[in-house]
Amino acid sequence: MNKYLRETTKHDIDLLAPNLRQADRNECIAATGCEPHGIMLEGLKMGDKTLTMVAPTGIPVGLLGVGKSIIEDAGAIWLVATDDIEKYQMTFLRHSKRVLKELQQDYLALHNYVDARNSLHIKWLKWMGFKFINKFDRFGVEQRPFYEFVRINECVYQH
């Protein structure tokens, strides 16, 4: 790890959950009907890797992780952040692709769904090389529009 990324603790979740970006909070609730705190705890408990993004000040500004998917050899990737992530967007972006490579190393593909209202995440996913493969007009508990996205691991092409 480095000084901007560390393994997640329950304390990180307790600090971040009440301060999440409204778009991230909305996405969690729209998809599952559950508050983000519980979803993040489940991600920590069940995920293969959960990491905390830390600002240069040492304050946690986001979580990201990957866990086994119901799709064989695929991982379900996720990310939530506070509004402070925008203050440190260059640091975040500078490290994103390296971290993604690390998260994807054990999977042939990464995938998940993003709330169509979450424009910041959609922009980041495109920048990271994810492809949007489906739009669901009625997804999750709230039956809102969501996009399905995927990224194939580069090493797949070497086999």
N, C-alpha and C. Protein backbone atom coordinates (compact mmCIF):
# COMPACT_ATOMS: atom_id res chain seq x y z
N MET A 1 0.84 -1.18 0.00
CA MET A 1 0.00 0.00 0.00
C MET A 1 0.89 1.25 0.00
N ASN A 2 0.26 2.38 0.03
CA ASN A 2 1.00 3.63 0.13
C ASN A 2 0.27 4.52 1.13
N LYS A 3 0.75 5.75 1.28
CA LYS A 3 0.14 6.61 2.31
C LYS A 3 -1.26 7.07 1.94
N TYR A 4 -1.68 6.87 0.69
CA TYR A 4 -3.02 7.28 0.27
C TYR A 4 -4.01 6.12 0.21
N LEU A 5 -3.55 4.92 0.52
CA LEU A 5 -4.40 3.74 0.43
C LEU A 5 -4.00 2.74 1.50
N ARG A 6 -4.98 2.21 2.18
CA ARG A 6 -4.69 1.21 3.22
C ARG A 6 -5.85 0.23 3.31
N GLU A 7 -5.60 -0.87 3.99
CA GLU A 7 -6.68 -1.83 4.21
C GLU A 7 -7.74 -1.19 5.10
N THR A 8 -8.98 -1.48 4.80
CA THR A 8 -10.11 -0.86 5.50
C THR A 8 -10.34 -1.49 6.87
N THR A 9 -10.71 -0.64 7.81
CA THR A 9 -11.11 -1.09 9.14
C THR A 9 -12.58 -0.69 9.37
N LYS A 10 -13.19 -1.28 10.36
CA LYS A 10 -14.56 -0.91 10.72
C LYS A 10 -14.62 0.57 11.11
N HIS A 11 -13.58 1.05 11.74
CA HIS A 11 -13.52 2.47 12.13
C HIS A 11 -13.61 3.38 10.90
N ASP A 12 -12.93 3.00 9.81
CA ASP A 12 -13.02 3.77 8.57
C ASP A 12 -14.46 3.87 8.10
N ILE A 13 -15.17 2.76 8.15
CA ILE A 13 -16.57 2.72 7.72
C ILE A 13 -17.42 3.61 8.62
N ASP A 14 -17.18 3.53 9.92
CA ASP A 14 -17.94 4.37 10.87
C ASP A 14 -17.73 5.85 10.58
N LEU A 15 -16.52 6.23 10.18
CA LEU A 15 -16.22 7.64 9.87
C LEU A 15 -16.83 8.07 8.53
N LEU A 16 -16.75 7.20 7.55
CA LEU A 16 -17.17 7.56 6.20
C LEU A 16 -18.68 7.51 5.98
N ALA A 17 -19.35 6.53 6.52
CA ALA A 17 -20.77 6.30 6.21
C ALA A 17 -21.65 7.54 6.37
N PRO A 18 -21.54 8.28 7.47
CA PRO A 18 -22.42 9.44 7.60
C PRO A 18 -22.04 10.62 6.70
N ASN A 19 -20.88 10.53 6.04
CA ASN A 19 -20.39 11.66 5.25
C ASN A 19 -20.29 11.36 3.75
N LEU A 20 -20.92 10.29 3.30
CA LEU A 20 -20.83 9.94 1.89
C LEU A 20 -21.43 11.00 0.98
N ARG A 21 -20.92 11.05 -0.24
CA ARG A 21 -21.54 11.90 -1.26
C ARG A 21 -23.01 11.50 -1.37
N GLN A 22 -23.86 12.47 -1.60
CA GLN A 22 -25.29 12.18 -1.70
C GLN A 22 -25.57 11.19 -2.84
N ALA A 23 -24.85 11.31 -3.94
CA ALA A 23 -25.05 10.41 -5.08
C ALA A 23 -24.72 8.97 -4.70
N ASP A 24 -23.69 8.77 -3.88
CA ASP A 24 -23.32 7.41 -3.44
C ASP A 24 -24.36 6.86 -2.47
N ARG A 25 -24.82 7.69 -1.57
CA ARG A 25 -25.87 7.28 -0.63
C ARG A 25 -27.13 6.90 -1.41
N ASN A 26 -27.51 7.74 -2.36
CA ASN A 26 -28.70 7.48 -3.17
C ASN A 26 -28.57 6.16 -3.94
N GLU A 27 -27.38 5.91 -4.48
CA GLU A 27 -27.16 4.69 -5.25
C GLU A 27 -27.32 3.45 -4.38
N CYS A 28 -26.73 3.46 -3.20
CA CYS A 28 -26.84 2.32 -2.28
C CYS A 28 -28.30 2.03 -1.94
N ILE A 29 -29.02 3.07 -1.60
CA ILE A 29 -30.42 2.89 -1.19
C ILE A 29 -31.28 2.48 -2.37
N ALA A 30 -31.05 3.09 -3.54
CA ALA A 30 -31.84 2.74 -4.73
C ALA A 30 -31.66 1.28 -5.12
N ALA A 31 -30.42 0.79 -5.04
CA ALA A 31 -30.14 -0.58 -5.46
C ALA A 31 -30.62 -1.62 -4.44
N THR A 32 -30.39 -1.34 -3.16
CA THR A 32 -30.61 -2.38 -2.14
C THR A 32 -31.71 -2.08 -1.14
N GLY A 33 -32.05 -0.81 -0.98
CA GLY A 33 -33.00 -0.42 0.06
C GLY A 33 -32.34 -0.31 1.42
N CYS A 34 -31.02 -0.50 1.48
CA CYS A 34 -30.28 -0.48 2.75
C CYS A 34 -29.40 0.76 2.85
N GLU A 35 -29.15 1.17 4.08
CA GLU A 35 -28.24 2.29 4.34
C GLU A 35 -26.80 1.88 3.99
N PRO A 36 -26.00 2.82 3.52
CA PRO A 36 -24.62 2.53 3.12
C PRO A 36 -23.75 1.89 4.21
N HIS A 37 -23.94 2.29 5.47
CA HIS A 37 -23.09 1.74 6.54
C HIS A 37 -23.13 0.22 6.54
N GLY A 38 -24.31 -0.35 6.50
CA GLY A 38 -24.45 -1.80 6.50
C GLY A 38 -23.87 -2.45 5.25
N ILE A 39 -24.05 -1.80 4.11
CA ILE A 39 -23.52 -2.33 2.86
C ILE A 39 -21.99 -2.33 2.89
N MET A 40 -21.41 -1.26 3.42
CA MET A 40 -19.95 -1.18 3.50
C MET A 40 -19.39 -2.21 4.47
N LEU A 41 -20.07 -2.43 5.60
CA LEU A 41 -19.64 -3.47 6.54
C LEU A 41 -19.68 -4.84 5.88
N GLU A 42 -20.73 -5.09 5.10
CA GLU A 42 -20.85 -6.36 4.39
C GLU A 42 -19.72 -6.50 3.37
N GLY A 43 -19.39 -5.41 2.68
CA GLY A 43 -18.28 -5.43 1.73
C GLY A 43 -16.96 -5.76 2.41
N LEU A 44 -16.76 -5.21 3.60
CA LEU A 44 -15.54 -5.50 4.37
C LEU A 44 -15.50 -6.96 4.79
N LYS A 45 -16.63 -7.46 5.24
CA LYS A 45 -16.72 -8.84 5.74
C LYS A 45 -16.61 -9.87 4.62
N MET A 46 -17.30 -9.62 3.51
CA MET A 46 -17.41 -10.61 2.45
C MET A 46 -16.46 -10.38 1.27
N GLY A 47 -15.90 -9.18 1.17
CA GLY A 47 -15.07 -8.86 0.01
C GLY A 47 -13.71 -9.52 0.05
N ASP A 48 -13.13 -9.69 -1.11
CA ASP A 48 -11.77 -10.23 -1.20
C ASP A 48 -10.75 -9.16 -0.83
N LYS A 49 -11.06 -7.91 -1.18
CA LYS A 49 -10.16 -6.82 -0.85
C LYS A 49 -11.00 -5.55 -0.69
N THR A 50 -10.81 -4.86 0.42
CA THR A 50 -11.47 -3.59 0.67
C THR A 50 -10.42 -2.60 1.12
N LEU A 51 -10.37 -1.46 0.43
CA LEU A 51 -9.33 -0.47 0.68
C LEU A 51 -9.93 0.88 1.03
N THR A 52 -9.23 1.63 1.88
CA THR A 52 -9.64 2.97 2.26
C THR A 52 -8.73 3.97 1.56
N MET A 53 -9.35 4.93 0.88
CA MET A 53 -8.61 6.03 0.26
C MET A 53 -8.43 7.12 1.32
N VAL A 54 -7.20 7.58 1.48
CA VAL A 54 -6.86 8.54 2.53
C VAL A 54 -6.32 9.82 1.90
N ALA A 55 -6.85 10.95 2.35
CA ALA A 55 -6.37 12.26 1.88
C ALA A 55 -4.96 12.51 2.41
N PRO A 56 -4.22 13.43 1.80
CA PRO A 56 -2.89 13.78 2.31
C PRO A 56 -2.92 14.21 3.79
N THR A 57 -4.08 14.66 4.26
CA THR A 57 -4.24 15.05 5.66
C THR A 57 -4.39 13.85 6.59
N GLY A 58 -4.53 12.63 6.00
CA GLY A 58 -4.71 11.42 6.80
C GLY A 58 -6.17 11.05 7.03
N ILE A 59 -7.09 11.87 6.55
CA ILE A 59 -8.53 11.63 6.74
C ILE A 59 -9.04 10.70 5.65
N PRO A 60 -9.80 9.64 6.01
CA PRO A 60 -10.39 8.76 5.00
C PRO A 60 -11.40 9.53 4.14
N VAL A 61 -11.32 9.36 2.81
CA VAL A 61 -12.25 10.05 1.91
C VAL A 61 -13.04 9.08 1.03
N GLY A 62 -12.75 7.80 1.11
CA GLY A 62 -13.51 6.85 0.31
C GLY A 62 -13.10 5.41 0.58
N LEU A 63 -13.95 4.52 0.09
CA LEU A 63 -13.68 3.08 0.16
C LEU A 63 -13.88 2.49 -1.22
N LEU A 64 -13.10 1.49 -1.52
CA LEU A 64 -13.33 0.72 -2.73
C LEU A 64 -12.99 -0.71 -2.45
N GLY A 65 -13.60 -1.58 -3.21
CA GLY A 65 -13.35 -2.98 -2.97
C GLY A 65 -13.81 -3.85 -4.12
N VAL A 66 -13.47 -5.11 -3.98
CA VAL A 66 -13.88 -6.11 -4.96
C VAL A 66 -14.16 -7.41 -4.20
N GLY A 67 -15.19 -8.08 -4.64
CA GLY A 67 -15.55 -9.36 -4.05
C GLY A 67 -15.99 -10.32 -5.14
N LYS A 68 -16.11 -11.57 -4.78
CA LYS A 68 -16.54 -12.57 -5.74
C LYS A 68 -17.92 -12.23 -6.28
N SER A 69 -18.08 -12.46 -7.54
CA SER A 69 -19.35 -12.23 -8.22
C SER A 69 -20.08 -13.55 -8.40
N ILE A 70 -21.34 -13.47 -8.74
CA ILE A 70 -22.07 -14.70 -9.08
C ILE A 70 -21.63 -15.20 -10.45
N ILE A 71 -20.92 -14.37 -11.20
CA ILE A 71 -20.37 -14.76 -12.50
C ILE A 71 -19.00 -15.39 -12.27
N GLU A 72 -18.80 -16.58 -12.79
CA GLU A 72 -17.56 -17.32 -12.58
C GLU A 72 -16.34 -16.52 -13.04
N ASP A 73 -15.30 -16.50 -12.22
CA ASP A 73 -14.03 -15.83 -12.49
C ASP A 73 -14.14 -14.31 -12.62
N ALA A 74 -15.24 -13.74 -12.15
CA ALA A 74 -15.43 -12.29 -12.20
C ALA A 74 -15.50 -11.73 -10.79
N GLY A 75 -15.16 -10.47 -10.67
CA GLY A 75 -15.26 -9.78 -9.39
C GLY A 75 -16.25 -8.63 -9.51
N ALA A 76 -16.95 -8.38 -8.41
CA ALA A 76 -17.86 -7.23 -8.34
C ALA A 76 -17.11 -6.09 -7.67
N ILE A 77 -16.88 -5.03 -8.42
CA ILE A 77 -16.12 -3.89 -7.93
C ILE A 77 -17.06 -2.79 -7.47
N TRP A 78 -16.65 -2.02 -6.46
CA TRP A 78 -17.50 -0.94 -5.95
C TRP A 78 -16.63 0.17 -5.38
N LEU A 79 -17.24 1.34 -5.26
CA LEU A 79 -16.55 2.52 -4.75
C LEU A 79 -17.58 3.47 -4.15
N VAL A 80 -17.26 4.02 -2.99
CA VAL A 80 -18.05 5.10 -2.38
C VAL A 80 -17.06 6.12 -1.83
N ALA A 81 -17.49 7.38 -1.77
CA ALA A 81 -16.58 8.42 -1.30
C ALA A 81 -17.36 9.56 -0.65
N THR A 82 -16.61 10.39 0.05
CA THR A 82 -17.18 11.62 0.61
C THR A 82 -16.99 12.74 -0.41
N ASP A 83 -17.60 13.88 -0.18
CA ASP A 83 -17.40 15.02 -1.07
C ASP A 83 -15.94 15.46 -1.11
N ASP A 84 -15.18 15.13 -0.07
CA ASP A 84 -13.76 15.52 -0.02
C ASP A 84 -12.93 14.86 -1.12
N ILE A 85 -13.41 13.80 -1.72
CA ILE A 85 -12.65 13.14 -2.78
C ILE A 85 -12.36 14.13 -3.91
N GLU A 86 -13.26 15.08 -4.13
CA GLU A 86 -13.05 16.05 -5.21
C GLU A 86 -11.90 17.01 -4.90
N LYS A 87 -11.65 17.27 -3.62
CA LYS A 87 -10.51 18.11 -3.25
C LYS A 87 -9.19 17.46 -3.62
N TYR A 88 -9.18 16.14 -3.64
CA TYR A 88 -7.95 15.37 -3.88
C TYR A 88 -8.06 14.56 -5.16
N GLN A 89 -8.83 15.05 -6.12
CA GLN A 89 -9.11 14.27 -7.32
C GLN A 89 -7.85 13.93 -8.10
N MET A 90 -6.87 14.80 -8.16
CA MET A 90 -5.65 14.50 -8.91
C MET A 90 -4.87 13.35 -8.26
N THR A 91 -4.78 13.37 -6.94
CA THR A 91 -4.12 12.27 -6.23
C THR A 91 -4.88 10.98 -6.45
N PHE A 92 -6.19 11.03 -6.34
CA PHE A 92 -7.04 9.86 -6.55
C PHE A 92 -6.85 9.31 -7.97
N LEU A 93 -6.94 10.18 -8.96
CA LEU A 93 -6.81 9.74 -10.35
C LEU A 93 -5.41 9.20 -10.64
N ARG A 94 -4.40 9.83 -10.08
CA ARG A 94 -3.02 9.41 -10.30
C ARG A 94 -2.80 7.95 -9.87
N HIS A 95 -3.50 7.52 -8.83
CA HIS A 95 -3.31 6.17 -8.29
C HIS A 95 -4.37 5.18 -8.77
N SER A 96 -5.43 5.64 -9.40
CA SER A 96 -6.57 4.79 -9.73
C SER A 96 -6.22 3.60 -10.62
N LYS A 97 -5.49 3.83 -11.69
CA LYS A 97 -5.24 2.73 -12.64
C LYS A 97 -4.34 1.65 -12.04
N ARG A 98 -3.36 2.05 -11.24
CA ARG A 98 -2.51 1.07 -10.58
C ARG A 98 -3.32 0.24 -9.59
N VAL A 99 -4.18 0.90 -8.84
CA VAL A 99 -5.00 0.20 -7.85
C VAL A 99 -5.98 -0.74 -8.56
N LEU A 100 -6.56 -0.29 -9.66
CA LEU A 100 -7.48 -1.15 -10.41
C LEU A 100 -6.77 -2.41 -10.88
N LYS A 101 -5.56 -2.26 -11.38
CA LYS A 101 -4.78 -3.41 -11.83
C LYS A 101 -4.57 -4.41 -10.69
N GLU A 102 -4.29 -3.88 -9.51
CA GLU A 102 -4.12 -4.72 -8.32
C GLU A 102 -5.42 -5.42 -7.94
N LEU A 103 -6.52 -4.70 -7.98
CA LEU A 103 -7.81 -5.29 -7.62
C LEU A 103 -8.25 -6.35 -8.63
N GLN A 104 -7.87 -6.17 -9.89
CA GLN A 104 -8.34 -7.06 -10.93
C GLN A 104 -7.46 -8.29 -11.12
N GLN A 105 -6.31 -8.36 -10.49
CA GLN A 105 -5.35 -9.40 -10.79
C GLN A 105 -5.88 -10.83 -10.62
N ASP A 106 -6.84 -11.04 -9.74
CA ASP A 106 -7.35 -12.39 -9.49
C ASP A 106 -8.62 -12.71 -10.27
N TYR A 107 -9.02 -11.82 -11.17
CA TYR A 107 -10.29 -11.99 -11.89
C TYR A 107 -10.09 -11.84 -13.39
N LEU A 108 -10.88 -12.56 -14.15
CA LEU A 108 -10.87 -12.38 -15.60
C LEU A 108 -11.58 -11.11 -16.00
N ALA A 109 -12.56 -10.70 -15.17
CA ALA A 109 -13.31 -9.48 -15.46
C ALA A 109 -13.81 -8.87 -14.16
N LEU A 110 -14.02 -7.57 -14.19
CA LEU A 110 -14.68 -6.85 -13.10
C LEU A 110 -15.98 -6.27 -13.66
N HIS A 111 -17.01 -6.24 -12.82
CA HIS A 111 -18.28 -5.70 -13.29
C HIS A 111 -19.10 -5.22 -12.11
N ASN A 112 -20.16 -4.50 -12.41
CA ASN A 112 -21.17 -4.12 -11.42
C ASN A 112 -22.18 -3.23 -12.13
N TYR A 113 -22.94 -2.50 -11.32
CA TYR A 113 -23.99 -1.63 -11.81
C TYR A 113 -23.81 -0.26 -11.17
N VAL A 114 -24.14 0.80 -11.90
CA VAL A 114 -24.02 2.15 -11.38
C VAL A 114 -25.33 2.88 -11.65
N ASP A 115 -25.76 3.64 -10.66
CA ASP A 115 -26.96 4.45 -10.78
C ASP A 115 -26.76 5.47 -11.90
N ALA A 116 -27.69 5.56 -12.81
CA ALA A 116 -27.58 6.48 -13.96
C ALA A 116 -27.47 7.93 -13.51
N ARG A 117 -27.89 8.24 -12.26
CA ARG A 117 -27.79 9.61 -11.74
C ARG A 117 -26.38 9.93 -11.22
N ASN A 118 -25.54 8.93 -11.04
CA ASN A 118 -24.22 9.11 -10.42
C ASN A 118 -23.19 9.48 -11.49
N SER A 119 -23.28 10.70 -11.99
CA SER A 119 -22.47 11.14 -13.12
C SER A 119 -20.96 11.11 -12.83
N LEU A 120 -20.55 11.40 -11.61
CA LEU A 120 -19.12 11.37 -11.28
C LEU A 120 -18.56 9.95 -11.41
N HIS A 121 -19.28 8.97 -10.92
CA HIS A 121 -18.81 7.59 -11.03
C HIS A 121 -18.82 7.12 -12.47
N ILE A 122 -19.82 7.51 -13.23
CA ILE A 122 -19.89 7.12 -14.63
C ILE A 122 -18.68 7.68 -15.39
N LYS A 123 -18.36 8.93 -15.14
CA LYS A 123 -17.21 9.56 -15.78
C LYS A 123 -15.91 8.84 -15.40
N TRP A 124 -15.75 8.50 -14.11
CA TRP A 124 -14.55 7.80 -13.65
C TRP A 124 -14.46 6.40 -14.27
N LEU A 125 -15.58 5.69 -14.31
CA LEU A 125 -15.58 4.34 -14.88
C LEU A 125 -15.16 4.36 -16.35
N LYS A 126 -15.65 5.32 -17.10
CA LYS A 126 -15.25 5.44 -18.51
C LYS A 126 -13.76 5.73 -18.61
N TRP A 127 -13.26 6.64 -17.78
CA TRP A 127 -11.85 6.99 -17.79
C TRP A 127 -10.97 5.78 -17.45
N MET A 128 -11.50 4.90 -16.59
CA MET A 128 -10.76 3.72 -16.17
C MET A 128 -10.81 2.58 -17.18
N GLY A 129 -11.59 2.75 -18.24
CA GLY A 129 -11.63 1.72 -19.28
C GLY A 129 -12.76 0.72 -19.15
N PHE A 130 -13.71 0.98 -18.27
CA PHE A 130 -14.87 0.10 -18.18
C PHE A 130 -15.79 0.37 -19.37
N LYS A 131 -16.47 -0.66 -19.83
CA LYS A 131 -17.43 -0.54 -20.92
C LYS A 131 -18.84 -0.70 -20.34
N PHE A 132 -19.73 0.14 -20.82
CA PHE A 132 -21.13 0.07 -20.39
C PHE A 132 -21.86 -0.85 -21.37
N ILE A 133 -22.39 -1.94 -20.84
CA ILE A 133 -22.92 -2.98 -21.72
C ILE A 133 -24.43 -3.12 -21.68
N ASN A 134 -25.08 -2.45 -20.74
CA ASN A 134 -26.53 -2.60 -20.63
C ASN A 134 -27.09 -1.43 -19.83
N LYS A 135 -28.30 -1.04 -20.15
CA LYS A 135 -29.01 -0.07 -19.33
C LYS A 135 -30.32 -0.73 -18.89
N PHE A 136 -30.54 -0.69 -17.59
CA PHE A 136 -31.78 -1.20 -17.02
C PHE A 136 -32.62 0.00 -16.61
N ASP A 137 -33.77 0.15 -17.20
CA ASP A 137 -34.64 1.29 -16.88
C ASP A 137 -35.24 1.16 -15.49
N ARG A 138 -35.35 -0.08 -15.00
CA ARG A 138 -35.96 -0.32 -13.69
C ARG A 138 -35.10 -1.36 -12.95
N PHE A 139 -34.18 -0.86 -12.11
CA PHE A 139 -33.22 -1.72 -11.42
C PHE A 139 -33.30 -1.47 -9.92
N GLY A 140 -33.08 -2.51 -9.14
CA GLY A 140 -32.98 -2.39 -7.69
C GLY A 140 -34.32 -2.15 -7.01
N VAL A 141 -34.25 -1.94 -5.72
CA VAL A 141 -35.44 -1.76 -4.89
C VAL A 141 -36.28 -0.58 -5.36
N GLU A 142 -35.63 0.51 -5.72
CA GLU A 142 -36.37 1.71 -6.14
C GLU A 142 -36.75 1.71 -7.62
N GLN A 143 -36.30 0.66 -8.34
CA GLN A 143 -36.64 0.54 -9.77
C GLN A 143 -36.22 1.78 -10.58
N ARG A 144 -34.97 2.19 -10.39
CA ARG A 144 -34.42 3.36 -11.08
C ARG A 144 -33.50 2.91 -12.22
N PRO A 145 -33.18 3.81 -13.15
CA PRO A 145 -32.24 3.47 -14.22
C PRO A 145 -30.82 3.25 -13.68
N PHE A 146 -30.22 2.14 -14.08
CA PHE A 146 -28.84 1.79 -13.74
C PHE A 146 -28.16 1.28 -15.00
N TYR A 147 -26.83 1.47 -15.05
CA TYR A 147 -26.03 0.92 -16.13
C TYR A 147 -25.23 -0.26 -15.60
N GLU A 148 -25.10 -1.28 -16.42
CA GLU A 148 -24.20 -2.39 -16.12
C GLU A 148 -22.88 -2.10 -16.82
N PHE A 149 -21.76 -2.31 -16.11
CA PHE A 149 -20.45 -2.05 -16.70
C PHE A 149 -19.52 -3.23 -16.47
N VAL A 150 -18.48 -3.33 -17.31
CA VAL A 150 -17.54 -4.45 -17.23
C VAL A 150 -16.17 -3.99 -17.73
N ARG A 151 -15.16 -4.65 -17.20
CA ARG A 151 -13.79 -4.44 -17.69
C ARG A 151 -13.10 -5.79 -17.71
N ILE A 152 -12.61 -6.20 -18.88
CA ILE A 152 -11.93 -7.47 -19.05
C ILE A 152 -10.47 -7.28 -18.66
N ASN A 153 -9.94 -8.23 -17.91
CA ASN A 153 -8.54 -8.17 -17.47
C ASN A 153 -7.62 -8.28 -18.68
N GLU A 154 -6.63 -7.39 -18.77
CA GLU A 154 -5.70 -7.38 -19.89
C GLU A 154 -4.97 -8.71 -20.08
N CYS A 155 -4.69 -9.39 -18.97
CA CYS A 155 -3.92 -10.65 -19.06
C CYS A 155 -4.72 -11.75 -19.74
N VAL A 156 -6.02 -11.60 -19.87
CA VAL A 156 -6.85 -12.60 -20.55
C VAL A 156 -6.38 -12.77 -21.98
N TYR A 157 -5.97 -11.68 -22.61
CA TYR A 157 -5.56 -11.73 -24.01
C TYR A 157 -4.22 -12.42 -24.19
N GLN A 158 -3.48 -12.65 -23.13
CA GLN A 158 -2.16 -13.28 -23.24
C GLN A 158 -2.23 -14.79 -23.17
N HIS A 159 -3.40 -15.35 -22.86
CA HIS A 159 -3.52 -16.82 -22.74
C HIS A 159 -3.67 -17.49 -24.07
